C-alpha atoms as a PDB file:
ATOM      1  CA  MET A   1     163.015 154.348 128.542  1.00  0.00           C
ATOM      2  CA  ARG A   2     164.797 151.963 126.198  1.00  0.00           C
ATOM      3  CA  LEU A   3     165.491 148.425 127.350  1.00  0.00           C
ATOM      4  CA  PRO A   4     167.812 145.882 125.737  1.00  0.00           C
ATOM      5  CA  LEU A   5     165.162 143.352 124.728  1.00  0.00           C
ATOM      6  CA  ILE A   6     167.011 140.828 122.585  1.00  0.00           C
ATOM      7  CA  GLY A   7     164.661 138.448 120.791  1.00  0.00           C
ATOM      8  CA  VAL A   8     161.599 139.912 122.513  1.00  0.00           C
ATOM      9  CA  THR A   9     158.832 141.757 120.703  1.00  0.00           C
ATOM     10  CA  LEU A  10     157.416 144.687 122.673  1.00  0.00           C
ATOM     11  CA  ILE A  11     153.883 145.770 121.741  1.00  0.00           C
ATOM     12  CA  VAL A  12     152.410 148.900 123.353  1.00  0.00           C
ATOM     13  CA  ASP A  13     148.703 149.457 122.636  1.00  0.00           C
ATOM     14  CA  GLY A  14     148.868 147.255 119.532  1.00  0.00           C
ATOM     15  CA  ILE A  15     151.947 148.929 118.015  1.00  0.00           C
ATOM     16  CA  GLN A  16     155.374 147.277 117.963  1.00  0.00           C
ATOM     17  CA  THR A  17     157.968 149.552 119.578  1.00  0.00           C
ATOM     18  CA  THR A  18     161.286 149.556 121.442  1.00  0.00           C
ATOM     19  CA  SER A  19     160.446 152.071 124.170  1.00  0.00           C
ATOM     20  CA  VAL A  20     158.585 151.323 127.393  1.00  0.00           C
ATOM     21  CA  PRO A  21     156.057 153.842 128.791  1.00  0.00           C
ATOM     22  CA  SER A  22     156.427 155.114 132.347  1.00  0.00           C
ATOM     23  CA  ALA A  23     155.275 152.846 135.167  1.00  0.00           C
ATOM     24  CA  SER A  24     152.415 155.159 136.108  1.00  0.00           C
ATOM     25  CA  ALA A  25     150.943 154.928 132.581  1.00  0.00           C
ATOM     26  CA  ILE A  26     150.824 151.103 132.407  1.00  0.00           C
ATOM     27  CA  GLN A  27     147.485 149.381 133.029  1.00  0.00           C
ATOM     28  CA  THR A  28     148.241 145.746 132.129  1.00  0.00           C
ATOM     29  CA  VAL A  29     151.224 143.669 131.022  1.00  0.00           C
ATOM     30  CA  THR A  30     150.759 140.332 129.220  1.00  0.00           C
ATOM     31  CA  ILE A  31     153.588 137.972 128.293  1.00  0.00           C
ATOM     32  CA  ASN A  32     152.834 135.582 125.413  1.00  0.00           C
ATOM     33  CA  GLN A  33     155.352 132.740 125.323  1.00  0.00           C
ATOM     34  CA  ASN A  34     153.735 130.792 122.480  1.00  0.00           C
ATOM     35  CA  PRO A  35     155.992 131.560 119.492  1.00  0.00           C
ATOM     36  CA  TYR A  36     153.635 130.031 116.911  1.00  0.00           C
ATOM     37  CA  SER A  37     150.364 131.719 117.850  1.00  0.00           C
ATOM     38  CA  ALA A  38     148.056 132.415 114.883  1.00  0.00           C
ATOM     39  CA  GLU A  39     147.400 135.876 116.334  1.00  0.00           C
ATOM     40  CA  TYR A  40     150.686 137.255 114.979  1.00  0.00           C
ATOM     41  CA  ASN A  41     152.170 137.383 111.505  1.00  0.00           C
ATOM     42  CA  ARG A  42     155.617 135.977 112.353  1.00  0.00           C
ATOM     43  CA  PRO A  43     157.006 133.712 115.075  1.00  0.00           C
ATOM     44  CA  GLY A  44     159.001 135.158 117.921  1.00  0.00           C
ATOM     45  CA  ARG A  45     160.482 133.972 121.188  1.00  0.00           C
ATOM     46  CA  ALA A  46     158.343 136.100 123.483  1.00  0.00           C
ATOM     47  CA  ARG A  47     155.920 138.965 123.140  1.00  0.00           C
ATOM     48  CA  ILE A  48     155.318 141.519 125.850  1.00  0.00           C
ATOM     49  CA  LYS A  49     152.006 143.300 125.368  1.00  0.00           C
ATOM     50  CA  ILE A  50     151.529 146.518 127.371  1.00  0.00           C
ATOM     51  CA  THR A  51     148.207 148.321 127.618  1.00  0.00           C
ATOM     52  CA  THR A  52     148.316 151.894 128.863  1.00  0.00           C
ATOM     53  CA  LYS A  53     145.687 153.629 130.955  1.00  0.00           C
ATOM     54  CA  PRO A  54     143.048 155.615 129.058  1.00  0.00           C
ATOM     55  CA  GLY A  55     143.240 159.395 129.150  1.00  0.00           C
ATOM     56  CA  SER A  56     140.601 161.945 130.058  1.00  0.00           C
ATOM     57  CA  SER A  57     139.713 165.504 129.146  1.00  0.00           C
ATOM     58  CA  GLU A  58     140.669 166.938 132.535  1.00  0.00           C
ATOM     59  CA  TYR A  59     144.199 167.668 133.702  1.00  0.00           C
ATOM     60  CA  HIS A  60     145.616 165.253 136.261  1.00  0.00           C
ATOM     61  CA  GLY A  61     148.842 163.454 136.886  1.00  0.00           C
ATOM     62  CA  THR A  62     151.218 161.770 139.254  1.00  0.00           C
ATOM     63  CA  MET A  63     154.690 162.651 140.384  1.00  0.00           C
ATOM     64  CA  ASN A  64     157.502 160.220 141.058  1.00  0.00           C
ATOM     65  CA  PHE A  65     160.452 161.361 143.150  1.00  0.00           C
ATOM     66  CA  LEU A  66     163.698 159.475 143.658  1.00  0.00           C
ATOM     67  CA  PHE A  67     166.327 160.729 146.104  1.00  0.00           C
ATOM     68  CA  ARG A  68     169.697 159.090 146.582  1.00  0.00           C
ATOM     69  CA  ASP A  69     172.439 160.243 148.888  1.00  0.00           C
ATOM     70  CA  ALA A  70     175.687 158.519 149.859  1.00  0.00           C
ATOM     71  CA  ARG A  71     174.892 159.150 153.533  1.00  0.00           C
ATOM     72  CA  PHE A  72     172.016 156.673 153.325  1.00  0.00           C
ATOM     73  CA  ASN A  73     174.084 153.840 151.824  1.00  0.00           C
ATOM     74  CA  ALA A  74     174.778 150.816 154.008  1.00  0.00           C
ATOM     75  CA  ARG A  75     178.306 150.558 155.370  1.00  0.00           C
ATOM     76  CA  ASP A  76     180.543 147.599 154.709  1.00  0.00           C
ATOM     77  CA  ARG A  77     180.667 145.686 157.967  1.00  0.00           C
ATOM     78  CA  GLN A  78     184.233 144.496 157.367  1.00  0.00           C
ATOM     79  CA  ALA A  79     185.514 148.037 156.777  1.00  0.00           C
ATOM     80  CA  TYR A  80     183.874 149.490 159.921  1.00  0.00           C
ATOM     81  CA  ARG A  81     186.213 150.153 162.860  1.00  0.00           C
ATOM     82  CA  PRO A  82     184.726 150.999 166.247  1.00  0.00           C
ATOM     83  CA  LEU A  83     186.033 154.162 167.909  1.00  0.00           C
END
């Protein structure tokens, strides 16, 4: 997924990128707000460092399911007329 990160440096597993891994693959998220840290080669406003979970040799996974239906939406209380 691509996010509009203006002025933010996104680093996933040590590599600068613009895409964010899925939520089930993320192990840790660190936000570095020190723009002049000696750890990096150029200053920036904020750095988001994401570490993903390690893989294994066996097959496994997770499934995410999202269901939306207009019948489950909340009604506007002002528009509701009793019968």
